[in-house]
Amino acid sequence: MLHNCEFKVSQSGRQRVLKEKRKNVHAFVVGNRVPLNKHSSRLRVPLTSKVKRAMYNPYKFNSFVDFYTLQPIYRAQFVVGTNGCDIYYS
């Protein structure tokens, strides 16, 4: 889990993907790590919180976007990534 996050995409890295049609690491989330202990290893989000899902596809977007609205995302208060590479933010 990260706090005070910024979604970053290297546009030169994205252009390389578009040109070469090969994956490379050029998009990431930067933030302050929130330490989790053995009791908080599972993320439990209250039903009232506004947790959203993010995605990035270099062939369709030049930034991270909201999974449902496709609106660009540049910052978030909290970000959680899952083992399946899903990204959730609030």
N, C-alpha and C. Protein backbone atom coordinates (compact mmCIF):
# COMPACT_ATOMS: atom_id res chain seq x y z
N MET A 1 0.85 -1.17 0.00
CA MET A 1 0.00 0.00 0.00
C MET A 1 0.89 1.23 0.00
N LEU A 2 0.51 2.21 -0.79
CA LEU A 2 1.24 3.48 -0.87
C LEU A 2 0.31 4.63 -0.52
N HIS A 3 0.89 5.70 0.02
CA HIS A 3 0.15 6.90 0.43
C HIS A 3 0.75 8.10 -0.29
N ASN A 4 -0.07 9.11 -0.59
CA ASN A 4 0.37 10.31 -1.32
C ASN A 4 1.04 9.91 -2.64
N CYS A 5 0.27 9.35 -3.52
CA CYS A 5 0.80 8.70 -4.72
C CYS A 5 0.71 9.55 -5.98
N GLU A 6 1.64 9.27 -6.86
CA GLU A 6 1.65 9.89 -8.18
C GLU A 6 1.81 8.78 -9.22
N PHE A 7 0.93 8.80 -10.23
CA PHE A 7 1.00 7.84 -11.33
C PHE A 7 1.91 8.43 -12.40
N LYS A 8 2.95 7.71 -12.79
CA LYS A 8 3.93 8.23 -13.74
C LYS A 8 4.06 7.32 -14.95
N VAL A 9 4.17 7.95 -16.11
CA VAL A 9 4.41 7.22 -17.36
C VAL A 9 5.52 7.95 -18.10
N SER A 10 6.60 7.23 -18.40
CA SER A 10 7.68 7.79 -19.21
C SER A 10 7.21 7.79 -20.66
N GLN A 11 7.03 8.97 -21.22
CA GLN A 11 6.53 9.04 -22.59
C GLN A 11 7.55 8.49 -23.60
N SER A 12 8.84 8.64 -23.31
CA SER A 12 9.85 8.05 -24.21
C SER A 12 9.79 6.53 -24.15
N GLY A 13 9.56 5.97 -22.96
CA GLY A 13 9.39 4.52 -22.82
C GLY A 13 8.14 4.05 -23.53
N ARG A 14 7.06 4.81 -23.43
CA ARG A 14 5.82 4.46 -24.12
C ARG A 14 6.03 4.48 -25.64
N GLN A 15 6.71 5.49 -26.13
CA GLN A 15 6.98 5.56 -27.57
C GLN A 15 7.81 4.38 -28.05
N ARG A 16 8.73 3.91 -27.21
CA ARG A 16 9.55 2.74 -27.55
C ARG A 16 8.66 1.49 -27.66
N VAL A 17 7.68 1.36 -26.75
CA VAL A 17 6.74 0.24 -26.82
C VAL A 17 5.95 0.30 -28.12
N LEU A 18 5.47 1.48 -28.46
CA LEU A 18 4.67 1.63 -29.68
C LEU A 18 5.50 1.32 -30.93
N LYS A 19 6.75 1.72 -30.90
CA LYS A 19 7.62 1.50 -32.05
C LYS A 19 8.05 0.04 -32.18
N GLU A 20 8.50 -0.55 -31.06
CA GLU A 20 9.06 -1.90 -31.09
C GLU A 20 8.01 -3.00 -30.87
N LYS A 21 6.81 -2.62 -30.40
CA LYS A 21 5.76 -3.60 -30.07
C LYS A 21 6.24 -4.63 -29.06
N ARG A 22 7.07 -4.16 -28.11
CA ARG A 22 7.61 -5.01 -27.04
C ARG A 22 7.42 -4.29 -25.71
N LYS A 23 7.12 -5.06 -24.68
CA LYS A 23 6.96 -4.49 -23.34
C LYS A 23 8.28 -3.97 -22.81
N ASN A 24 8.20 -2.90 -22.03
CA ASN A 24 9.32 -2.43 -21.22
C ASN A 24 8.74 -1.71 -20.01
N VAL A 25 9.51 -1.60 -18.97
CA VAL A 25 9.02 -0.95 -17.75
C VAL A 25 9.13 0.55 -17.93
N HIS A 26 7.98 1.22 -18.03
CA HIS A 26 7.99 2.66 -18.23
C HIS A 26 6.83 3.37 -17.51
N ALA A 27 6.00 2.60 -16.80
CA ALA A 27 4.87 3.18 -16.07
C ALA A 27 4.86 2.62 -14.65
N PHE A 28 4.64 3.49 -13.68
CA PHE A 28 4.70 3.05 -12.28
C PHE A 28 3.99 4.05 -11.39
N VAL A 29 3.85 3.67 -10.12
CA VAL A 29 3.24 4.52 -9.11
C VAL A 29 4.30 4.82 -8.05
N VAL A 30 4.43 6.09 -7.71
CA VAL A 30 5.39 6.52 -6.69
C VAL A 30 4.60 7.03 -5.48
N GLY A 31 5.02 6.63 -4.29
CA GLY A 31 4.35 7.10 -3.08
C GLY A 31 5.11 6.65 -1.85
N ASN A 32 4.56 7.00 -0.70
CA ASN A 32 5.15 6.60 0.58
C ASN A 32 4.57 5.25 0.98
N ARG A 33 5.44 4.30 1.25
CA ARG A 33 5.01 2.95 1.61
C ARG A 33 4.33 2.97 2.98
N VAL A 34 3.18 2.29 3.05
CA VAL A 34 2.46 2.14 4.32
C VAL A 34 2.80 0.76 4.84
N PRO A 35 3.51 0.67 5.98
CA PRO A 35 3.88 -0.65 6.49
C PRO A 35 2.65 -1.45 6.91
N LEU A 36 2.63 -2.70 6.54
CA LEU A 36 1.55 -3.61 6.93
C LEU A 36 2.14 -4.65 7.86
N ASN A 37 1.37 -5.07 8.85
CA ASN A 37 1.83 -6.13 9.74
C ASN A 37 1.02 -7.39 9.49
N LYS A 38 1.29 -8.45 10.23
CA LYS A 38 0.62 -9.72 9.98
C LYS A 38 -0.89 -9.63 10.17
N HIS A 39 -1.35 -8.67 10.96
CA HIS A 39 -2.79 -8.51 11.19
C HIS A 39 -3.45 -7.70 10.09
N SER A 40 -2.69 -6.99 9.29
CA SER A 40 -3.27 -6.17 8.23
C SER A 40 -2.84 -6.67 6.86
N SER A 41 -2.48 -7.95 6.76
CA SER A 41 -1.99 -8.47 5.49
C SER A 41 -3.09 -8.53 4.43
N ARG A 42 -4.34 -8.57 4.86
CA ARG A 42 -5.45 -8.53 3.91
C ARG A 42 -6.05 -7.13 3.97
N LEU A 43 -6.21 -6.54 2.82
CA LEU A 43 -6.79 -5.21 2.77
C LEU A 43 -8.29 -5.31 3.00
N ARG A 44 -8.78 -4.62 4.00
CA ARG A 44 -10.21 -4.58 4.27
C ARG A 44 -10.67 -3.15 4.08
N VAL A 45 -11.45 -2.91 3.08
CA VAL A 45 -11.90 -1.57 2.76
C VAL A 45 -13.36 -1.42 3.20
N PRO A 46 -13.67 -0.40 3.98
CA PRO A 46 -15.07 -0.20 4.37
C PRO A 46 -15.94 0.00 3.13
N LEU A 47 -17.17 -0.47 3.19
CA LEU A 47 -18.07 -0.34 2.04
C LEU A 47 -18.36 1.11 1.70
N THR A 48 -18.16 2.02 2.65
CA THR A 48 -18.45 3.42 2.39
C THR A 48 -17.29 4.14 1.70
N SER A 49 -16.13 3.54 1.65
CA SER A 49 -14.99 4.22 1.03
C SER A 49 -15.12 4.21 -0.48
N LYS A 50 -14.48 5.15 -1.12
CA LYS A 50 -14.57 5.28 -2.58
C LYS A 50 -13.31 4.70 -3.22
N VAL A 51 -13.25 3.39 -3.26
CA VAL A 51 -12.11 2.72 -3.87
C VAL A 51 -12.41 2.52 -5.35
N LYS A 52 -11.44 2.87 -6.19
CA LYS A 52 -11.61 2.77 -7.63
C LYS A 52 -10.51 1.89 -8.20
N ARG A 53 -10.68 1.46 -9.43
CA ARG A 53 -9.69 0.60 -10.08
C ARG A 53 -9.01 1.39 -11.20
N ALA A 54 -7.71 1.24 -11.29
CA ALA A 54 -6.93 1.93 -12.31
C ALA A 54 -6.36 0.92 -13.30
N MET A 55 -5.99 1.43 -14.48
CA MET A 55 -5.34 0.58 -15.47
C MET A 55 -4.44 1.43 -16.35
N TYR A 56 -3.56 0.74 -17.07
CA TYR A 56 -2.69 1.42 -18.03
C TYR A 56 -2.46 0.49 -19.21
N ASN A 57 -2.64 1.01 -20.41
CA ASN A 57 -2.38 0.28 -21.64
C ASN A 57 -1.68 1.25 -22.58
N PRO A 58 -0.38 1.05 -22.86
CA PRO A 58 0.36 2.01 -23.67
C PRO A 58 -0.16 2.14 -25.09
N TYR A 59 -0.89 1.15 -25.58
CA TYR A 59 -1.42 1.20 -26.94
C TYR A 59 -2.70 2.04 -27.03
N LYS A 60 -3.33 2.30 -25.87
CA LYS A 60 -4.58 3.07 -25.86
C LYS A 60 -4.48 4.41 -25.15
N PHE A 61 -3.60 4.50 -24.13
CA PHE A 61 -3.57 5.69 -23.28
C PHE A 61 -2.13 6.16 -23.05
N ASN A 62 -1.98 7.46 -22.82
CA ASN A 62 -0.64 7.97 -22.50
C ASN A 62 -0.48 8.22 -21.00
N SER A 63 -1.48 7.78 -20.19
CA SER A 63 -1.41 7.89 -18.74
C SER A 63 -2.21 6.73 -18.15
N PHE A 64 -2.12 6.57 -16.83
CA PHE A 64 -3.02 5.65 -16.15
C PHE A 64 -4.42 6.24 -16.26
N VAL A 65 -5.42 5.38 -16.30
CA VAL A 65 -6.81 5.84 -16.38
C VAL A 65 -7.67 5.05 -15.40
N ASP A 66 -8.83 5.62 -15.07
CA ASP A 66 -9.80 4.90 -14.27
C ASP A 66 -10.35 3.76 -15.12
N PHE A 67 -10.45 2.58 -14.54
CA PHE A 67 -10.84 1.37 -15.25
C PHE A 67 -12.22 1.50 -15.90
N TYR A 68 -13.15 2.21 -15.25
CA TYR A 68 -14.52 2.30 -15.73
C TYR A 68 -14.81 3.56 -16.53
N THR A 69 -14.27 4.70 -16.10
CA THR A 69 -14.58 5.96 -16.79
C THR A 69 -13.55 6.31 -17.86
N LEU A 70 -12.39 5.69 -17.80
CA LEU A 70 -11.27 5.95 -18.72
C LEU A 70 -10.72 7.38 -18.59
N GLN A 71 -11.02 8.03 -17.48
CA GLN A 71 -10.49 9.36 -17.22
C GLN A 71 -9.05 9.24 -16.71
N PRO A 72 -8.15 10.13 -17.14
CA PRO A 72 -6.75 10.06 -16.68
C PRO A 72 -6.63 10.20 -15.18
N ILE A 73 -5.65 9.50 -14.61
CA ILE A 73 -5.35 9.57 -13.18
C ILE A 73 -3.89 9.99 -13.04
N TYR A 74 -3.64 11.01 -12.24
CA TYR A 74 -2.27 11.47 -12.03
C TYR A 74 -1.84 11.38 -10.56
N ARG A 75 -2.83 11.47 -9.66
CA ARG A 75 -2.51 11.43 -8.23
C ARG A 75 -3.61 10.67 -7.49
N ALA A 76 -3.26 10.11 -6.33
CA ALA A 76 -4.24 9.45 -5.47
C ALA A 76 -3.73 9.49 -4.05
N GLN A 77 -4.65 9.48 -3.11
CA GLN A 77 -4.26 9.47 -1.70
C GLN A 77 -3.67 8.12 -1.32
N PHE A 78 -4.32 7.04 -1.75
CA PHE A 78 -3.83 5.69 -1.47
C PHE A 78 -3.87 4.85 -2.74
N VAL A 79 -2.90 3.94 -2.87
CA VAL A 79 -2.88 2.98 -3.98
C VAL A 79 -2.49 1.63 -3.42
N VAL A 80 -3.20 0.60 -3.88
CA VAL A 80 -2.90 -0.77 -3.49
C VAL A 80 -2.79 -1.59 -4.76
N GLY A 81 -1.71 -2.35 -4.89
CA GLY A 81 -1.56 -3.27 -6.01
C GLY A 81 -1.74 -4.69 -5.51
N THR A 82 -2.31 -5.54 -6.36
CA THR A 82 -2.53 -6.93 -5.98
C THR A 82 -1.54 -7.82 -6.72
N ASN A 83 -1.45 -9.07 -6.30
CA ASN A 83 -0.55 -10.03 -6.96
C ASN A 83 -0.94 -10.24 -8.41
N GLY A 84 -2.20 -10.04 -8.73
CA GLY A 84 -2.66 -10.21 -10.11
C GLY A 84 -2.46 -8.96 -10.94
N CYS A 85 -1.71 -7.99 -10.42
CA CYS A 85 -1.40 -6.72 -11.09
C CYS A 85 -2.58 -5.77 -11.19
N ASP A 86 -3.65 -6.01 -10.44
CA ASP A 86 -4.73 -5.04 -10.38
C ASP A 86 -4.30 -3.89 -9.50
N ILE A 87 -4.72 -2.68 -9.85
CA ILE A 87 -4.35 -1.48 -9.10
C ILE A 87 -5.63 -0.80 -8.63
N TYR A 88 -5.72 -0.56 -7.32
CA TYR A 88 -6.87 0.13 -6.75
C TYR A 88 -6.39 1.40 -6.09
N TYR A 89 -7.22 2.46 -6.17
CA TYR A 89 -6.81 3.75 -5.62
C TYR A 89 -8.00 4.45 -4.98
N SER A 90 -7.68 5.42 -4.14
CA SER A 90 -8.72 6.28 -3.55
C SER A 90 -8.12 7.65 -3.31
